[in-house]
Amino acid sequence: MRIRWTPAAAADLADIGNYLKTRHPHYRQPTMRKLYQAIRSLKESPHRGRPGSEDGTRELLFHPLPYIAVYRVKEQDIEVLRIYHAAQDRP
């Protein structure tokens, strides 16, 4: 399986990195590493996230981090749709 990032998910990840760089620089590198590693691990176990709030999606939690990745499992790909902060209002 291949991981594909939507432009929105890539922008979410960049926003998280920029926020941490400005506000909590010592957390930036370990947080970004954990996010990337967890999403990359979906290649081996794509259905491990909980069912998402929208049909056909799943949600990966990054415990103890306050982020949620929304993704879709396709035949050959895992499509990362968005990465939200748990306290963020979502559509």
PDB file of N, CA and C in Angstrom:
ATOM      1  N   MET A   1       0.841  -1.192   0.000  1.00  0.00           N
ATOM      2  CA  MET A   1       0.000   0.000   0.000  1.00  0.00           C
ATOM      3  C   MET A   1       0.877   1.244   0.000  1.00  0.00           C
ATOM      4  N   ARG A   2       0.310   2.280  -0.532  1.00  0.00           N
ATOM      5  CA  ARG A   2       1.016   3.547  -0.639  1.00  0.00           C
ATOM      6  C   ARG A   2       0.244   4.604   0.153  1.00  0.00           C
ATOM      7  N   ILE A   3       0.948   5.485   0.826  1.00  0.00           N
ATOM      8  CA  ILE A   3       0.335   6.593   1.563  1.00  0.00           C
ATOM      9  C   ILE A   3       0.269   7.793   0.615  1.00  0.00           C
ATOM     10  N   ARG A   4      -0.923   8.338   0.463  1.00  0.00           N
ATOM     11  CA  ARG A   4      -1.112   9.551  -0.331  1.00  0.00           C
ATOM     12  C   ARG A   4      -1.669  10.641   0.570  1.00  0.00           C
ATOM     13  N   TRP A   5      -1.099  11.817   0.487  1.00  0.00           N
ATOM     14  CA  TRP A   5      -1.538  12.957   1.292  1.00  0.00           C
ATOM     15  C   TRP A   5      -2.336  13.909   0.407  1.00  0.00           C
ATOM     16  N   THR A   6      -3.521  14.283   0.850  1.00  0.00           N
ATOM     17  CA  THR A   6      -4.252  15.319   0.131  1.00  0.00           C
ATOM     18  C   THR A   6      -3.565  16.655   0.423  1.00  0.00           C
ATOM     19  N   PRO A   7      -3.759  17.639  -0.442  1.00  0.00           N
ATOM     20  CA  PRO A   7      -3.191  18.963  -0.150  1.00  0.00           C
ATOM     21  C   PRO A   7      -3.647  19.505   1.210  1.00  0.00           C
ATOM     22  N   ALA A   8      -4.894  19.242   1.582  1.00  0.00           N
ATOM     23  CA  ALA A   8      -5.399  19.725   2.878  1.00  0.00           C
ATOM     24  C   ALA A   8      -4.661  19.071   4.037  1.00  0.00           C
ATOM     25  N   ALA A   9      -4.405  17.763   3.934  1.00  0.00           N
ATOM     26  CA  ALA A   9      -3.680  17.064   5.006  1.00  0.00           C
ATOM     27  C   ALA A   9      -2.239  17.539   5.091  1.00  0.00           C
ATOM     28  N   ALA A  10      -1.602  17.741   3.946  1.00  0.00           N
ATOM     29  CA  ALA A  10      -0.230  18.250   3.950  1.00  0.00           C
ATOM     30  C   ALA A  10      -0.176  19.643   4.571  1.00  0.00           C
ATOM     31  N   ALA A  11      -1.177  20.472   4.270  1.00  0.00           N
ATOM     32  CA  ALA A  11      -1.234  21.816   4.867  1.00  0.00           C
ATOM     33  C   ALA A  11      -1.473  21.737   6.371  1.00  0.00           C
ATOM     34  N   ASP A  12      -2.332  20.797   6.802  1.00  0.00           N
ATOM     35  CA  ASP A  12      -2.563  20.608   8.237  1.00  0.00           C
ATOM     36  C   ASP A  12      -1.267  20.261   8.947  1.00  0.00           C
ATOM     37  N   LEU A  13      -0.506  19.337   8.359  1.00  0.00           N
ATOM     38  CA  LEU A  13       0.755  18.917   8.961  1.00  0.00           C
ATOM     39  C   LEU A  13       1.749  20.082   9.026  1.00  0.00           C
ATOM     40  N   ALA A  14       1.825  20.855   7.956  1.00  0.00           N
ATOM     41  CA  ALA A  14       2.709  22.033   7.949  1.00  0.00           C
ATOM     42  C   ALA A  14       2.275  23.041   9.005  1.00  0.00           C
ATOM     43  N   ASP A  15       0.966  23.235   9.155  1.00  0.00           N
ATOM     44  CA  ASP A  15       0.455  24.168  10.167  1.00  0.00           C
ATOM     45  C   ASP A  15       0.816  23.710  11.583  1.00  0.00           C
ATOM     46  N   ILE A  16       0.708  22.405  11.823  1.00  0.00           N
ATOM     47  CA  ILE A  16       1.077  21.867  13.138  1.00  0.00           C
ATOM     48  C   ILE A  16       2.559  22.131  13.401  1.00  0.00           C
ATOM     49  N   GLY A  17       3.394  21.828  12.408  1.00  0.00           N
ATOM     50  CA  GLY A  17       4.827  22.059  12.555  1.00  0.00           C
ATOM     51  C   GLY A  17       5.161  23.520  12.793  1.00  0.00           C
ATOM     52  N   ASN A  18       4.517  24.416  12.066  1.00  0.00           N
ATOM     53  CA  ASN A  18       4.771  25.853  12.226  1.00  0.00           C
ATOM     54  C   ASN A  18       4.305  26.356  13.584  1.00  0.00           C
ATOM     55  N   TYR A  19       3.159  25.890  14.026  1.00  0.00           N
ATOM     56  CA  TYR A  19       2.661  26.277  15.341  1.00  0.00           C
ATOM     57  C   TYR A  19       3.642  25.838  16.432  1.00  0.00           C
ATOM     58  N   LEU A  20       4.060  24.581  16.359  1.00  0.00           N
ATOM     59  CA  LEU A  20       4.981  24.075  17.385  1.00  0.00           C
ATOM     60  C   LEU A  20       6.331  24.776  17.319  1.00  0.00           C
ATOM     61  N   LYS A  21       6.796  25.080  16.131  1.00  0.00           N
ATOM     62  CA  LYS A  21       8.078  25.784  15.982  1.00  0.00           C
ATOM     63  C   LYS A  21       8.042  27.142  16.676  1.00  0.00           C
ATOM     64  N   THR A  22       6.899  27.806  16.585  1.00  0.00           N
ATOM     65  CA  THR A  22       6.747  29.130  17.185  1.00  0.00           C
ATOM     66  C   THR A  22       6.464  29.075  18.678  1.00  0.00           C
ATOM     67  N   ARG A  23       5.549  28.193  19.072  1.00  0.00           N
ATOM     68  CA  ARG A  23       5.067  28.183  20.452  1.00  0.00           C
ATOM     69  C   ARG A  23       5.768  27.195  21.373  1.00  0.00           C
ATOM     70  N   HIS A  24       6.131  26.039  20.845  1.00  0.00           N
ATOM     71  CA  HIS A  24       6.729  24.972  21.658  1.00  0.00           C
ATOM     72  C   HIS A  24       7.831  24.277  20.863  1.00  0.00           C
ATOM     73  N   PRO A  25       8.918  24.978  20.573  1.00  0.00           N
ATOM     74  CA  PRO A  25       9.934  24.422  19.669  1.00  0.00           C
ATOM     75  C   PRO A  25      10.531  23.094  20.131  1.00  0.00           C
ATOM     76  N   HIS A  26      10.610  22.855  21.424  1.00  0.00           N
ATOM     77  CA  HIS A  26      11.191  21.602  21.911  1.00  0.00           C
ATOM     78  C   HIS A  26      10.275  20.403  21.667  1.00  0.00           C
ATOM     79  N   TYR A  27       8.989  20.642  21.393  1.00  0.00           N
ATOM     80  CA  TYR A  27       8.058  19.550  21.094  1.00  0.00           C
ATOM     81  C   TYR A  27       7.918  19.282  19.590  1.00  0.00           C
ATOM     82  N   ARG A  28       8.409  20.208  18.786  1.00  0.00           N
ATOM     83  CA  ARG A  28       8.171  20.100  17.340  1.00  0.00           C
ATOM     84  C   ARG A  28       8.710  18.795  16.754  1.00  0.00           C
ATOM     85  N   GLN A  29       9.982  18.529  16.913  1.00  0.00           N
ATOM     86  CA  GLN A  29      10.581  17.353  16.278  1.00  0.00           C
ATOM     87  C   GLN A  29       9.966  16.033  16.772  1.00  0.00           C
ATOM     88  N   PRO A  30       9.846  15.808  18.074  1.00  0.00           N
ATOM     89  CA  PRO A  30       9.249  14.531  18.491  1.00  0.00           C
ATOM     90  C   PRO A  30       7.780  14.382  18.072  1.00  0.00           C
ATOM     91  N   THR A  31       7.049  15.487  18.055  1.00  0.00           N
ATOM     92  CA  THR A  31       5.645  15.423  17.649  1.00  0.00           C
ATOM     93  C   THR A  31       5.531  15.089  16.169  1.00  0.00           C
ATOM     94  N   MET A  32       6.282  15.781  15.337  1.00  0.00           N
ATOM     95  CA  MET A  32       6.231  15.522  13.892  1.00  0.00           C
ATOM     96  C   MET A  32       6.681  14.093  13.584  1.00  0.00           C
ATOM     97  N   ARG A  33       7.699  13.633  14.284  1.00  0.00           N
ATOM     98  CA  ARG A  33       8.175  12.261  14.075  1.00  0.00           C
ATOM     99  C   ARG A  33       7.080  11.246  14.417  1.00  0.00           C
ATOM    100  N   LYS A  34       6.411  11.468  15.538  1.00  0.00           N
ATOM    101  CA  LYS A  34       5.350  10.540  15.950  1.00  0.00           C
ATOM    102  C   LYS A  34       4.196  10.540  14.944  1.00  0.00           C
ATOM    103  N   LEU A  35       3.810  11.716  14.451  1.00  0.00           N
ATOM    104  CA  LEU A  35       2.739  11.791  13.462  1.00  0.00           C
ATOM    105  C   LEU A  35       3.108  11.032  12.190  1.00  0.00           C
ATOM    106  N   TYR A  36       4.305  11.281  11.661  1.00  0.00           N
ATOM    107  CA  TYR A  36       4.762  10.591  10.445  1.00  0.00           C
ATOM    108  C   TYR A  36       4.848   9.079  10.654  1.00  0.00           C
ATOM    109  N   GLN A  37       5.437   8.664  11.752  1.00  0.00           N
ATOM    110  CA  GLN A  37       5.603   7.226  11.993  1.00  0.00           C
ATOM    111  C   GLN A  37       4.266   6.515  12.137  1.00  0.00           C
ATOM    112  N   ALA A  38       3.328   7.117  12.838  1.00  0.00           N
ATOM    113  CA  ALA A  38       2.020   6.492  13.019  1.00  0.00           C
ATOM    114  C   ALA A  38       1.288   6.374  11.689  1.00  0.00           C
ATOM    115  N   ILE A  39       1.343   7.419  10.885  1.00  0.00           N
ATOM    116  CA  ILE A  39       0.676   7.362   9.581  1.00  0.00           C
ATOM    117  C   ILE A  39       1.371   6.368   8.667  1.00  0.00           C
ATOM    118  N   ARG A  40       2.677   6.333   8.689  1.00  0.00           N
ATOM    119  CA  ARG A  40       3.420   5.364   7.875  1.00  0.00           C
ATOM    120  C   ARG A  40       3.096   3.933   8.288  1.00  0.00           C
ATOM    121  N   SER A  41       2.830   3.717   9.575  1.00  0.00           N
ATOM    122  CA  SER A  41       2.524   2.367  10.061  1.00  0.00           C
ATOM    123  C   SER A  41       1.183   1.852   9.541  1.00  0.00           C
ATOM    124  N   LEU A  42       0.357   2.727   8.988  1.00  0.00           N
ATOM    125  CA  LEU A  42      -0.911   2.286   8.419  1.00  0.00           C
ATOM    126  C   LEU A  42      -0.705   1.358   7.223  1.00  0.00           C
ATOM    127  N   LYS A  43       0.471   1.403   6.616  1.00  0.00           N
ATOM    128  CA  LYS A  43       0.756   0.486   5.498  1.00  0.00           C
ATOM    129  C   LYS A  43       0.616  -0.967   5.933  1.00  0.00           C
ATOM    130  N   GLU A  44       1.021  -1.275   7.156  1.00  0.00           N
ATOM    131  CA  GLU A  44       0.964  -2.646   7.661  1.00  0.00           C
ATOM    132  C   GLU A  44      -0.405  -2.991   8.251  1.00  0.00           C
ATOM    133  N   SER A  45      -1.093  -1.999   8.769  1.00  0.00           N
ATOM    134  CA  SER A  45      -2.381  -2.252   9.431  1.00  0.00           C
ATOM    135  C   SER A  45      -3.345  -1.102   9.126  1.00  0.00           C
ATOM    136  N   PRO A  46      -3.848  -1.034   7.895  1.00  0.00           N
ATOM    137  CA  PRO A  46      -4.628   0.138   7.479  1.00  0.00           C
ATOM    138  C   PRO A  46      -5.973   0.315   8.172  1.00  0.00           C
ATOM    139  N   HIS A  47      -6.518  -0.736   8.731  1.00  0.00           N
ATOM    140  CA  HIS A  47      -7.838  -0.622   9.356  1.00  0.00           C
ATOM    141  C   HIS A  47      -7.769  -0.473  10.871  1.00  0.00           C
ATOM    142  N   ARG A  48      -6.603  -0.158  11.400  1.00  0.00           N
ATOM    143  CA  ARG A  48      -6.487  -0.102  12.857  1.00  0.00           C
ATOM    144  C   ARG A  48      -7.134   1.127  13.466  1.00  0.00           C
ATOM    145  N   GLY A  49      -7.316   2.182  12.705  1.00  0.00           N
ATOM    146  CA  GLY A  49      -8.008   3.361  13.228  1.00  0.00           C
ATOM    147  C   GLY A  49      -9.480   3.071  13.429  1.00  0.00           C
ATOM    148  N   ARG A  50     -10.116   3.885  14.249  1.00  0.00           N
ATOM    149  CA  ARG A  50     -11.543   3.697  14.503  1.00  0.00           C
ATOM    150  C   ARG A  50     -12.342   4.172  13.277  1.00  0.00           C
ATOM    151  N   PRO A  51     -13.581   3.696  13.127  1.00  0.00           N
ATOM    152  CA  PRO A  51     -14.425   4.191  12.039  1.00  0.00           C
ATOM    153  C   PRO A  51     -14.611   5.698  12.171  1.00  0.00           C
ATOM    154  N   GLY A  52     -14.553   6.390  11.047  1.00  0.00           N
ATOM    155  CA  GLY A  52     -14.676   7.842  11.045  1.00  0.00           C
ATOM    156  C   GLY A  52     -16.106   8.316  11.095  1.00  0.00           C
ATOM    157  N   SER A  53     -16.277   9.600  11.269  1.00  0.00           N
ATOM    158  CA  SER A  53     -17.624  10.171  11.340  1.00  0.00           C
ATOM    159  C   SER A  53     -18.267  10.268   9.958  1.00  0.00           C
ATOM    160  N   GLU A  54     -17.480  10.257   8.900  1.00  0.00           N
ATOM    161  CA  GLU A  54     -18.012  10.229   7.539  1.00  0.00           C
ATOM    162  C   GLU A  54     -17.879   8.816   6.989  1.00  0.00           C
ATOM    163  N   ASP A  55     -18.864   8.392   6.224  1.00  0.00           N
ATOM    164  CA  ASP A  55     -18.822   7.053   5.630  1.00  0.00           C
ATOM    165  C   ASP A  55     -17.538   6.841   4.838  1.00  0.00           C
ATOM    166  N   GLY A  56     -16.934   5.679   5.022  1.00  0.00           N
ATOM    167  CA  GLY A  56     -15.749   5.309   4.268  1.00  0.00           C
ATOM    168  C   GLY A  56     -14.449   5.863   4.808  1.00  0.00           C
ATOM    169  N   THR A  57     -14.512   6.545   5.955  1.00  0.00           N
ATOM    170  CA  THR A  57     -13.277   7.087   6.529  1.00  0.00           C
ATOM    171  C   THR A  57     -12.949   6.378   7.840  1.00  0.00           C
ATOM    172  N   ARG A  58     -11.714   6.538   8.237  1.00  0.00           N
ATOM    173  CA  ARG A  58     -11.241   6.026   9.518  1.00  0.00           C
ATOM    174  C   ARG A  58     -10.480   7.160  10.193  1.00  0.00           C
ATOM    175  N   GLU A  59     -10.316   7.037  11.524  1.00  0.00           N
ATOM    176  CA  GLU A  59      -9.617   8.061  12.288  1.00  0.00           C
ATOM    177  C   GLU A  59      -8.530   7.414  13.127  1.00  0.00           C
ATOM    178  N   LEU A  60      -7.334   7.938  12.982  1.00  0.00           N
ATOM    179  CA  LEU A  60      -6.188   7.454  13.739  1.00  0.00           C
ATOM    180  C   LEU A  60      -5.875   8.450  14.841  1.00  0.00           C
ATOM    181  N   LEU A  61      -5.884   7.973  16.078  1.00  0.00           N
ATOM    182  CA  LEU A  61      -5.550   8.816  17.227  1.00  0.00           C
ATOM    183  C   LEU A  61      -4.065   8.683  17.510  1.00  0.00           C
ATOM    184  N   PHE A  62      -3.458   9.735  18.010  1.00  0.00           N
ATOM    185  CA  PHE A  62      -2.019   9.769  18.293  1.00  0.00           C
ATOM    186  C   PHE A  62      -1.772   9.907  19.789  1.00  0.00           C
ATOM    187  N   HIS A  63      -2.297   9.016  20.562  1.00  0.00           N
ATOM    188  CA  HIS A  63      -2.184   9.095  22.023  1.00  0.00           C
ATOM    189  C   HIS A  63      -0.714   9.151  22.446  1.00  0.00           C
ATOM    190  N   PRO A  64      -0.298  10.041  23.291  1.00  0.00           N
ATOM    191  CA  PRO A  64      -1.036  11.026  24.078  1.00  0.00           C
ATOM    192  C   PRO A  64      -1.171  12.380  23.387  1.00  0.00           C
ATOM    193  N   LEU A  65      -0.785  12.478  22.118  1.00  0.00           N
ATOM    194  CA  LEU A  65      -0.895  13.757  21.411  1.00  0.00           C
ATOM    195  C   LEU A  65      -2.364  14.066  21.096  1.00  0.00           C
ATOM    196  N   PRO A  66      -2.708  15.343  21.008  1.00  0.00           N
ATOM    197  CA  PRO A  66      -4.111  15.719  20.800  1.00  0.00           C
ATOM    198  C   PRO A  66      -4.496  15.839  19.322  1.00  0.00           C
ATOM    199  N   TYR A  67      -4.008  14.929  18.479  1.00  0.00           N
ATOM    200  CA  TYR A  67      -4.287  15.013  17.051  1.00  0.00           C
ATOM    201  C   TYR A  67      -5.031  13.780  16.565  1.00  0.00           C
ATOM    202  N   ILE A  68      -5.785  13.977  15.487  1.00  0.00           N
ATOM    203  CA  ILE A  68      -6.554  12.900  14.865  1.00  0.00           C
ATOM    204  C   ILE A  68      -6.334  13.002  13.361  1.00  0.00           C
ATOM    205  N   ALA A  69      -5.914  11.909  12.744  1.00  0.00           N
ATOM    206  CA  ALA A  69      -5.780  11.864  11.289  1.00  0.00           C
ATOM    207  C   ALA A  69      -7.012  11.177  10.718  1.00  0.00           C
ATOM    208  N   VAL A  70      -7.633  11.816   9.762  1.00  0.00           N
ATOM    209  CA  VAL A  70      -8.772  11.228   9.057  1.00  0.00           C
ATOM    210  C   VAL A  70      -8.231  10.689   7.742  1.00  0.00           C
ATOM    211  N   TYR A  71      -8.525   9.419   7.472  1.00  0.00           N
ATOM    212  CA  TYR A  71      -7.991   8.794   6.264  1.00  0.00           C
ATOM    213  C   TYR A  71      -8.995   7.836   5.658  1.00  0.00           C
ATOM    214  N   ARG A  72      -8.712   7.456   4.436  1.00  0.00           N
ATOM    215  CA  ARG A  72      -9.574   6.525   3.698  1.00  0.00           C
ATOM    216  C   ARG A  72      -8.686   5.413   3.146  1.00  0.00           C
ATOM    217  N   VAL A  73      -9.134   4.192   3.306  1.00  0.00           N
ATOM    218  CA  VAL A  73      -8.408   3.037   2.776  1.00  0.00           C
ATOM    219  C   VAL A  73      -8.995   2.705   1.414  1.00  0.00           C
ATOM    220  N   LYS A  74      -8.139   2.734   0.414  1.00  0.00           N
ATOM    221  CA  LYS A  74      -8.549   2.367  -0.940  1.00  0.00           C
ATOM    222  C   LYS A  74      -7.865   1.060  -1.309  1.00  0.00           C
ATOM    223  N   GLU A  75      -8.090   0.591  -2.518  1.00  0.00           N
ATOM    224  CA  GLU A  75      -7.540  -0.686  -2.941  1.00  0.00           C
ATOM    225  C   GLU A  75      -6.014  -0.732  -2.849  1.00  0.00           C
ATOM    226  N   GLN A  76      -5.352   0.275  -3.376  1.00  0.00           N
ATOM    227  CA  GLN A  76      -3.891   0.309  -3.398  1.00  0.00           C
ATOM    228  C   GLN A  76      -3.291   1.419  -2.536  1.00  0.00           C
ATOM    229  N   ASP A  77      -4.133   2.288  -2.011  1.00  0.00           N
ATOM    230  CA  ASP A  77      -3.647   3.477  -1.322  1.00  0.00           C
ATOM    231  C   ASP A  77      -4.335   3.686   0.016  1.00  0.00           C
ATOM    232  N   ILE A  78      -3.636   4.417   0.857  1.00  0.00           N
ATOM    233  CA  ILE A  78      -4.229   4.993   2.061  1.00  0.00           C
ATOM    234  C   ILE A  78      -4.171   6.493   1.819  1.00  0.00           C
ATOM    235  N   GLU A  79      -5.322   7.122   1.803  1.00  0.00           N
ATOM    236  CA  GLU A  79      -5.410   8.537   1.503  1.00  0.00           C
ATOM    237  C   GLU A  79      -5.624   9.313   2.800  1.00  0.00           C
ATOM    238  N   VAL A  80      -4.628  10.089   3.194  1.00  0.00           N
ATOM    239  CA  VAL A  80      -4.733  10.916   4.403  1.00  0.00           C
ATOM    240  C   VAL A  80      -5.476  12.182   3.996  1.00  0.00           C
ATOM    241  N   LEU A  81      -6.653  12.370   4.594  1.00  0.00           N
ATOM    242  CA  LEU A  81      -7.527  13.468   4.196  1.00  0.00           C
ATOM    243  C   LEU A  81      -7.275  14.746   4.984  1.00  0.00           C
ATOM    244  N   ARG A  82      -7.168  14.618   6.302  1.00  0.00           N
ATOM    245  CA  ARG A  82      -6.964  15.776   7.178  1.00  0.00           C
ATOM    246  C   ARG A  82      -6.270  15.327   8.458  1.00  0.00           C
ATOM    247  N   ILE A  83      -5.660  16.276   9.161  1.00  0.00           N
ATOM    248  CA  ILE A  83      -5.146  16.055  10.509  1.00  0.00           C
ATOM    249  C   ILE A  83      -5.688  17.191  11.364  1.00  0.00           C
ATOM    250  N   TYR A  84      -6.462  16.826  12.360  1.00  0.00           N
ATOM    251  CA  TYR A  84      -7.113  17.807  13.219  1.00  0.00           C
ATOM    252  C   TYR A  84      -6.542  17.753  14.628  1.00  0.00           C
ATOM    253  N   HIS A  85      -6.610  18.894  15.311  1.00  0.00           N
ATOM    254  CA  HIS A  85      -6.392  18.929  16.749  1.00  0.00           C
ATOM    255  C   HIS A  85      -7.694  18.449  17.376  1.00  0.00           C
ATOM    256  N   ALA A  86      -7.619  17.664  18.420  1.00  0.00           N
ATOM    257  CA  ALA A  86      -8.817  17.075  19.028  1.00  0.00           C
ATOM    258  C   ALA A  86      -9.819  18.126  19.505  1.00  0.00           C
ATOM    259  N   ALA A  87      -9.350  19.321  19.871  1.00  0.00           N
ATOM    260  CA  ALA A  87     -10.247  20.360  20.350  1.00  0.00           C
ATOM    261  C   ALA A  87     -10.834  21.202  19.222  1.00  0.00           C
ATOM    262  N   GLN A  88     -10.410  20.927  18.008  1.00  0.00           N
ATOM    263  CA  GLN A  88     -10.830  21.718  16.840  1.00  0.00           C
ATOM    264  C   GLN A  88     -12.227  21.312  16.393  1.00  0.00           C
ATOM    265  N   ASP A  89     -13.032  22.291  16.011  1.00  0.00           N
ATOM    266  CA  ASP A  89     -14.331  21.995  15.404  1.00  0.00           C
ATOM    267  C   ASP A  89     -14.084  21.446  14.013  1.00  0.00           C
ATOM    268  N   ARG A  90     -14.773  20.369  13.692  1.00  0.00           N
ATOM    269  CA  ARG A  90     -14.587  19.739  12.378  1.00  0.00           C
ATOM    270  C   ARG A  90     -15.897  19.734  11.616  1.00  0.00           C
ATOM    271  N   PRO A  91     -15.796  19.783  10.293  1.00  0.00           N
ATOM    272  CA  PRO A  91     -17.026  19.720   9.488  1.00  0.00           C
ATOM    273  C   PRO A  91     -17.667  18.351   9.591  1.00  0.00           C
TER     274      PRO A  91
END
